[in-house]
Amino acid sequence: MGKNQHVTPHSGGGFQVKGAGNSRATKVFNTQREAISFARDIAKNQQSELFIHNRTGQIRERNSYGNDPYPPRG
């Protein structure tokens, strides 16, 4: 399983895609829609999770593209 991908606001404007634990952005986009599309492709390829953050930095959506246990525990 690869690194989880995060779509977060970029300090210079727009949105960035960052792998979990990385200090630098993988790529910066003007719109969140473009960033999500790019990050989704990476998450599917690496069988990891995608975290989408809103403008304040809170997670607003989470998608898993890895091996999820079914049924879910809990």
PDB file of N, CA and C in Angstrom:
ATOM      1  N   MET A   1       0.840  -1.177   0.000  1.00  0.00           N
ATOM      2  CA  MET A   1       0.000   0.000   0.000  1.00  0.00           C
ATOM      3  C   MET A   1       0.885   1.241   0.000  1.00  0.00           C
ATOM      4  N   GLY A   2       0.546   2.229  -0.841  1.00  0.00           N
ATOM      5  CA  GLY A   2       1.339   3.440  -0.974  1.00  0.00           C
ATOM      6  C   GLY A   2       0.957   4.504   0.040  1.00  0.00           C
ATOM      7  N   LYS A   3       1.499   5.690  -0.168  1.00  0.00           N
ATOM      8  CA  LYS A   3       1.222   6.817   0.723  1.00  0.00           C
ATOM      9  C   LYS A   3      -0.179   7.349   0.487  1.00  0.00           C
ATOM     10  N   ASN A   4      -0.847   7.713   1.580  1.00  0.00           N
ATOM     11  CA  ASN A   4      -2.140   8.377   1.454  1.00  0.00           C
ATOM     12  C   ASN A   4      -1.927   9.742   0.818  1.00  0.00           C
ATOM     13  N   GLN A   5      -2.882  10.180   0.016  1.00  0.00           N
ATOM     14  CA  GLN A   5      -2.797  11.449  -0.700  1.00  0.00           C
ATOM     15  C   GLN A   5      -3.738  12.464  -0.055  1.00  0.00           C
ATOM     16  N   HIS A   6      -3.243  13.698   0.095  1.00  0.00           N
ATOM     17  CA  HIS A   6      -4.029  14.764   0.698  1.00  0.00           C
ATOM     18  C   HIS A   6      -4.162  15.911  -0.286  1.00  0.00           C
ATOM     19  N   VAL A   7      -5.402  16.405  -0.464  1.00  0.00           N
ATOM     20  CA  VAL A   7      -5.665  17.606  -1.251  1.00  0.00           C
ATOM     21  C   VAL A   7      -5.925  18.713  -0.240  1.00  0.00           C
ATOM     22  N   THR A   8      -5.023  19.697  -0.194  1.00  0.00           N
ATOM     23  CA  THR A   8      -5.100  20.764   0.798  1.00  0.00           C
ATOM     24  C   THR A   8      -4.953  22.123   0.130  1.00  0.00           C
ATOM     25  N   PRO A   9      -5.410  23.191   0.804  1.00  0.00           N
ATOM     26  CA  PRO A   9      -5.182  24.530   0.254  1.00  0.00           C
ATOM     27  C   PRO A   9      -3.690  24.833   0.197  1.00  0.00           C
ATOM     28  N   HIS A  10      -3.250  25.530  -0.838  1.00  0.00           N
ATOM     29  CA  HIS A  10      -1.839  25.903  -0.993  1.00  0.00           C
ATOM     30  C   HIS A  10      -1.661  27.334  -0.499  1.00  0.00           C
ATOM     31  N   SER A  11      -0.565  27.594   0.172  1.00  0.00           N
ATOM     32  CA  SER A  11      -0.325  28.922   0.746  1.00  0.00           C
ATOM     33  C   SER A  11      -0.243  30.009  -0.320  1.00  0.00           C
ATOM     34  N   GLY A  12       0.167  29.672  -1.526  1.00  0.00           N
ATOM     35  CA  GLY A  12       0.258  30.645  -2.613  1.00  0.00           C
ATOM     36  C   GLY A  12      -1.020  30.776  -3.416  1.00  0.00           C
ATOM     37  N   GLY A  13      -2.070  30.113  -2.993  1.00  0.00           N
ATOM     38  CA  GLY A  13      -3.340  30.120  -3.718  1.00  0.00           C
ATOM     39  C   GLY A  13      -3.565  28.799  -4.415  1.00  0.00           C
ATOM     40  N   GLY A  14      -4.794  28.430  -4.627  1.00  0.00           N
ATOM     41  CA  GLY A  14      -5.136  27.161  -5.254  1.00  0.00           C
ATOM     42  C   GLY A  14      -5.060  26.006  -4.279  1.00  0.00           C
ATOM     43  N   PHE A  15      -4.888  24.811  -4.817  1.00  0.00           N
ATOM     44  CA  PHE A  15      -4.841  23.593  -4.005  1.00  0.00           C
ATOM     45  C   PHE A  15      -3.639  22.758  -4.391  1.00  0.00           C
ATOM     46  N   GLN A  16      -3.137  21.993  -3.432  1.00  0.00           N
ATOM     47  CA  GLN A  16      -1.970  21.143  -3.661  1.00  0.00           C
ATOM     48  C   GLN A  16      -2.296  19.696  -3.348  1.00  0.00           C
ATOM     49  N   VAL A  17      -1.555  18.801  -3.962  1.00  0.00           N
ATOM     50  CA  VAL A  17      -1.619  17.367  -3.678  1.00  0.00           C
ATOM     51  C   VAL A  17      -0.315  17.008  -2.987  1.00  0.00           C
ATOM     52  N   LYS A  18      -0.437  16.390  -1.805  1.00  0.00           N
ATOM     53  CA  LYS A  18       0.752  15.992  -1.053  1.00  0.00           C
ATOM     54  C   LYS A  18       0.586  14.550  -0.586  1.00  0.00           C
ATOM     55  N   GLY A  19       1.656  13.785  -0.671  1.00  0.00           N
ATOM     56  CA  GLY A  19       1.679  12.456  -0.092  1.00  0.00           C
ATOM     57  C   GLY A  19       1.848  12.577   1.411  1.00  0.00           C
ATOM     58  N   ALA A  20       1.276  11.657   2.167  1.00  0.00           N
ATOM     59  CA  ALA A  20       1.373  11.687   3.629  1.00  0.00           C
ATOM     60  C   ALA A  20       2.839  11.693   4.050  1.00  0.00           C
ATOM     61  N   GLY A  21       3.196  12.628   4.923  1.00  0.00           N
ATOM     62  CA  GLY A  21       4.552  12.713   5.429  1.00  0.00           C
ATOM     63  C   GLY A  21       5.505  13.521   4.567  1.00  0.00           C
ATOM     64  N   ASN A  22       5.084  13.910   3.381  1.00  0.00           N
ATOM     65  CA  ASN A  22       5.945  14.719   2.511  1.00  0.00           C
ATOM     66  C   ASN A  22       5.910  16.178   2.940  1.00  0.00           C
ATOM     67  N   SER A  23       7.043  16.854   2.839  1.00  0.00           N
ATOM     68  CA  SER A  23       7.092  18.273   3.191  1.00  0.00           C
ATOM     69  C   SER A  23       6.752  19.154   1.992  1.00  0.00           C
ATOM     70  N   ARG A  24       6.951  18.639   0.786  1.00  0.00           N
ATOM     71  CA  ARG A  24       6.679  19.410  -0.426  1.00  0.00           C
ATOM     72  C   ARG A  24       5.483  18.843  -1.174  1.00  0.00           C
ATOM     73  N   ALA A  25       4.793  19.729  -1.877  1.00  0.00           N
ATOM     74  CA  ALA A  25       3.632  19.318  -2.671  1.00  0.00           C
ATOM     75  C   ALA A  25       4.084  18.530  -3.900  1.00  0.00           C
ATOM     76  N   THR A  26       3.312  17.518  -4.262  1.00  0.00           N
ATOM     77  CA  THR A  26       3.559  16.776  -5.490  1.00  0.00           C
ATOM     78  C   THR A  26       3.263  17.667  -6.688  1.00  0.00           C
ATOM     79  N   LYS A  27       2.132  18.397  -6.598  1.00  0.00           N
ATOM     80  CA  LYS A  27       1.732  19.292  -7.679  1.00  0.00           C
ATOM     81  C   LYS A  27       0.726  20.310  -7.120  1.00  0.00           C
ATOM     82  N   VAL A  28       0.721  21.517  -7.697  1.00  0.00           N
ATOM     83  CA  VAL A  28      -0.192  22.580  -7.281  1.00  0.00           C
ATOM     84  C   VAL A  28      -1.153  22.872  -8.434  1.00  0.00           C
ATOM     85  N   PHE A  29      -2.441  23.094  -8.096  1.00  0.00           N
ATOM     86  CA  PHE A  29      -3.484  23.323  -9.100  1.00  0.00           C
ATOM     87  C   PHE A  29      -4.243  24.603  -8.775  1.00  0.00           C
ATOM     88  N   ASN A  30      -4.863  25.179  -9.787  1.00  0.00           N
ATOM     89  CA  ASN A  30      -5.694  26.369  -9.589  1.00  0.00           C
ATOM     90  C   ASN A  30      -7.015  26.026  -8.918  1.00  0.00           C
ATOM     91  N   THR A  31      -7.577  24.861  -9.251  1.00  0.00           N
ATOM     92  CA  THR A  31      -8.880  24.488  -8.692  1.00  0.00           C
ATOM     93  C   THR A  31      -8.774  23.193  -7.882  1.00  0.00           C
ATOM     94  N   GLN A  32      -9.689  23.066  -6.943  1.00  0.00           N
ATOM     95  CA  GLN A  32      -9.724  21.854  -6.132  1.00  0.00           C
ATOM     96  C   GLN A  32     -10.143  20.646  -6.977  1.00  0.00           C
ATOM     97  N   ARG A  33     -11.004  20.867  -7.945  1.00  0.00           N
ATOM     98  CA  ARG A  33     -11.469  19.779  -8.814  1.00  0.00           C
ATOM     99  C   ARG A  33     -10.303  19.122  -9.557  1.00  0.00           C
ATOM    100  N   GLU A  34      -9.391  19.934 -10.092  1.00  0.00           N
ATOM    101  CA  GLU A  34      -8.210  19.406 -10.789  1.00  0.00           C
ATOM    102  C   GLU A  34      -7.308  18.625  -9.833  1.00  0.00           C
ATOM    103  N   ALA A  35      -7.133  19.170  -8.640  1.00  0.00           N
ATOM    104  CA  ALA A  35      -6.283  18.518  -7.639  1.00  0.00           C
ATOM    105  C   ALA A  35      -6.867  17.173  -7.215  1.00  0.00           C
ATOM    106  N   ILE A  36      -8.187  17.118  -7.033  1.00  0.00           N
ATOM    107  CA  ILE A  36      -8.839  15.870  -6.629  1.00  0.00           C
ATOM    108  C   ILE A  36      -8.683  14.807  -7.709  1.00  0.00           C
ATOM    109  N   SER A  37      -8.867  15.193  -8.958  1.00  0.00           N
ATOM    110  CA  SER A  37      -8.740  14.249 -10.064  1.00  0.00           C
ATOM    111  C   SER A  37      -7.330  13.660 -10.114  1.00  0.00           C
ATOM    112  N   PHE A  38      -6.311  14.503  -9.978  1.00  0.00           N
ATOM    113  CA  PHE A  38      -4.925  14.065  -9.997  1.00  0.00           C
ATOM    114  C   PHE A  38      -4.632  13.143  -8.812  1.00  0.00           C
ATOM    115  N   ALA A  39      -5.064  13.553  -7.611  1.00  0.00           N
ATOM    116  CA  ALA A  39      -4.811  12.776  -6.399  1.00  0.00           C
ATOM    117  C   ALA A  39      -5.552  11.438  -6.426  1.00  0.00           C
ATOM    118  N   ARG A  40      -6.751  11.408  -6.997  1.00  0.00           N
ATOM    119  CA  ARG A  40      -7.529  10.168  -7.090  1.00  0.00           C
ATOM    120  C   ARG A  40      -6.796   9.135  -7.947  1.00  0.00           C
ATOM    121  N   ASP A  41      -6.213   9.587  -9.042  1.00  0.00           N
ATOM    122  CA  ASP A  41      -5.454   8.683  -9.907  1.00  0.00           C
ATOM    123  C   ASP A  41      -4.258   8.088  -9.161  1.00  0.00           C
ATOM    124  N   ILE A  42      -3.556   8.907  -8.391  1.00  0.00           N
ATOM    125  CA  ILE A  42      -2.412   8.417  -7.611  1.00  0.00           C
ATOM    126  C   ILE A  42      -2.880   7.418  -6.559  1.00  0.00           C
ATOM    127  N   ALA A  43      -3.953   7.759  -5.830  1.00  0.00           N
ATOM    128  CA  ALA A  43      -4.459   6.881  -4.772  1.00  0.00           C
ATOM    129  C   ALA A  43      -4.912   5.532  -5.335  1.00  0.00           C
ATOM    130  N   LYS A  44      -5.562   5.546  -6.493  1.00  0.00           N
ATOM    131  CA  LYS A  44      -5.986   4.286  -7.120  1.00  0.00           C
ATOM    132  C   LYS A  44      -4.775   3.461  -7.525  1.00  0.00           C
ATOM    133  N   ASN A  45      -3.780   4.107  -8.105  1.00  0.00           N
ATOM    134  CA  ASN A  45      -2.576   3.425  -8.556  1.00  0.00           C
ATOM    135  C   ASN A  45      -1.807   2.813  -7.381  1.00  0.00           C
ATOM    136  N   GLN A  46      -1.740   3.530  -6.258  1.00  0.00           N
ATOM    137  CA  GLN A  46      -0.989   3.067  -5.098  1.00  0.00           C
ATOM    138  C   GLN A  46      -1.848   2.290  -4.100  1.00  0.00           C
ATOM    139  N   GLN A  47      -3.131   2.144  -4.388  1.00  0.00           N
ATOM    140  CA  GLN A  47      -4.089   1.473  -3.499  1.00  0.00           C
ATOM    141  C   GLN A  47      -4.014   2.066  -2.095  1.00  0.00           C
ATOM    142  N   SER A  48      -4.183   3.379  -2.035  1.00  0.00           N
ATOM    143  CA  SER A  48      -4.110   4.095  -0.763  1.00  0.00           C
ATOM    144  C   SER A  48      -5.396   4.904  -0.565  1.00  0.00           C
ATOM    145  N   GLU A  49      -5.372   5.814   0.406  1.00  0.00           N
ATOM    146  CA  GLU A  49      -6.545   6.625   0.695  1.00  0.00           C
ATOM    147  C   GLU A  49      -6.354   8.051   0.195  1.00  0.00           C
ATOM    148  N   LEU A  50      -7.481   8.698  -0.093  1.00  0.00           N
ATOM    149  CA  LEU A  50      -7.498  10.079  -0.543  1.00  0.00           C
ATOM    150  C   LEU A  50      -8.239  10.901   0.499  1.00  0.00           C
ATOM    151  N   PHE A  51      -7.583  11.945   1.009  1.00  0.00           N
ATOM    152  CA  PHE A  51      -8.186  12.857   1.971  1.00  0.00           C
ATOM    153  C   PHE A  51      -8.350  14.210   1.299  1.00  0.00           C
ATOM    154  N   ILE A  52      -9.582  14.735   1.301  1.00  0.00           N
ATOM    155  CA  ILE A  52      -9.863  16.034   0.696  1.00  0.00           C
ATOM    156  C   ILE A  52     -10.164  17.013   1.830  1.00  0.00           C
ATOM    157  N   HIS A  53      -9.369  18.077   1.901  1.00  0.00           N
ATOM    158  CA  HIS A  53      -9.517  19.081   2.955  1.00  0.00           C
ATOM    159  C   HIS A  53     -10.234  20.309   2.402  1.00  0.00           C
ATOM    160  N   ASN A  54     -10.988  21.006   3.284  1.00  0.00           N
ATOM    161  CA  ASN A  54     -11.632  22.245   2.858  1.00  0.00           C
ATOM    162  C   ASN A  54     -10.659  23.411   3.028  1.00  0.00           C
ATOM    163  N   ARG A  55     -11.106  24.624   2.776  1.00  0.00           N
ATOM    164  CA  ARG A  55     -10.231  25.799   2.831  1.00  0.00           C
ATOM    165  C   ARG A  55      -9.632  26.049   4.215  1.00  0.00           C
ATOM    166  N   THR A  56     -10.307  25.584   5.280  1.00  0.00           N
ATOM    167  CA  THR A  56      -9.780  25.773   6.636  1.00  0.00           C
ATOM    168  C   THR A  56      -8.852  24.645   7.055  1.00  0.00           C
ATOM    169  N   GLY A  57      -8.709  23.629   6.209  1.00  0.00           N
ATOM    170  CA  GLY A  57      -7.794  22.535   6.500  1.00  0.00           C
ATOM    171  C   GLY A  57      -8.448  21.304   7.098  1.00  0.00           C
ATOM    172  N   GLN A  58      -9.742  21.379   7.421  1.00  0.00           N
ATOM    173  CA  GLN A  58     -10.445  20.227   7.974  1.00  0.00           C
ATOM    174  C   GLN A  58     -10.764  19.225   6.866  1.00  0.00           C
ATOM    175  N   ILE A  59     -10.716  17.932   7.221  1.00  0.00           N
ATOM    176  CA  ILE A  59     -11.050  16.888   6.246  1.00  0.00           C
ATOM    177  C   ILE A  59     -12.548  16.930   5.983  1.00  0.00           C
ATOM    178  N   ARG A  60     -12.917  17.078   4.718  1.00  0.00           N
ATOM    179  CA  ARG A  60     -14.339  17.109   4.369  1.00  0.00           C
ATOM    180  C   ARG A  60     -14.796  15.832   3.685  1.00  0.00           C
ATOM    181  N   GLU A  61     -13.825  15.068   3.146  1.00  0.00           N
ATOM    182  CA  GLU A  61     -14.166  13.829   2.454  1.00  0.00           C
ATOM    183  C   GLU A  61     -12.972  12.893   2.501  1.00  0.00           C
ATOM    184  N   ARG A  62     -13.270  11.600   2.518  1.00  0.00           N
ATOM    185  CA  ARG A  62     -12.213  10.585   2.580  1.00  0.00           C
ATOM    186  C   ARG A  62     -12.645   9.397   1.725  1.00  0.00           C
ATOM    187  N   ASN A  63     -11.764   8.961   0.840  1.00  0.00           N
ATOM    188  CA  ASN A  63     -12.058   7.825  -0.025  1.00  0.00           C
ATOM    189  C   ASN A  63     -10.912   6.827   0.041  1.00  0.00           C
ATOM    190  N   SER A  64     -11.264   5.554   0.093  1.00  0.00           N
ATOM    191  CA  SER A  64     -10.256   4.510   0.170  1.00  0.00           C
ATOM    192  C   SER A  64     -10.218   3.738  -1.142  1.00  0.00           C
ATOM    193  N   TYR A  65      -9.021   3.556  -1.672  1.00  0.00           N
ATOM    194  CA  TYR A  65      -8.838   2.798  -2.904  1.00  0.00           C
ATOM    195  C   TYR A  65      -7.957   1.578  -2.665  1.00  0.00           C
ATOM    196  N   GLY A  66      -7.805   1.201  -1.385  1.00  0.00           N
ATOM    197  CA  GLY A  66      -6.992   0.044  -1.026  1.00  0.00           C
ATOM    198  C   GLY A  66      -7.847  -1.167  -0.727  1.00  0.00           C
ATOM    199  N   ASN A  67      -7.286  -2.102   0.001  1.00  0.00           N
ATOM    200  CA  ASN A  67      -8.004  -3.313   0.375  1.00  0.00           C
ATOM    201  C   ASN A  67      -8.771  -3.061   1.661  1.00  0.00           C
ATOM    202  N   ASP A  68     -10.049  -2.760   1.521  1.00  0.00           N
ATOM    203  CA  ASP A  68     -10.897  -2.529   2.685  1.00  0.00           C
ATOM    204  C   ASP A  68     -11.442  -3.860   3.187  1.00  0.00           C
ATOM    205  N   PRO A  69     -11.427  -4.054   4.523  1.00  0.00           N
ATOM    206  CA  PRO A  69     -12.052  -5.259   5.055  1.00  0.00           C
ATOM    207  C   PRO A  69     -13.561  -5.160   4.917  1.00  0.00           C
ATOM    208  N   TYR A  70     -14.189  -6.235   4.496  1.00  0.00           N
ATOM    209  CA  TYR A  70     -15.643  -6.249   4.417  1.00  0.00           C
ATOM    210  C   TYR A  70     -16.157  -7.460   5.144  1.00  0.00           C
ATOM    211  N   PRO A  71     -17.077  -7.355   6.049  1.00  0.00           N
ATOM    212  CA  PRO A  71     -17.700  -6.117   6.509  1.00  0.00           C
ATOM    213  C   PRO A  71     -16.744  -5.318   7.377  1.00  0.00           C
ATOM    214  N   PRO A  72     -17.004  -4.005   7.497  1.00  0.00           N
ATOM    215  CA  PRO A  72     -16.121  -3.167   8.302  1.00  0.00           C
ATOM    216  C   PRO A  72     -16.171  -3.554   9.777  1.00  0.00           C
ATOM    217  N   ARG A  73     -15.027  -3.438  10.443  1.00  0.00           N
ATOM    218  CA  ARG A  73     -14.982  -3.734  11.874  1.00  0.00           C
ATOM    219  C   ARG A  73     -15.647  -2.619  12.654  1.00  0.00           C
ATOM    220  N   GLY A  74     -16.198  -2.967  13.810  1.00  0.00           N
ATOM    221  CA  GLY A  74     -16.738  -1.936  14.688  1.00  0.00           C
ATOM    222  C   GLY A  74     -18.177  -2.027  14.809  1.00  0.00           C
TER     223      GLY A  74
END
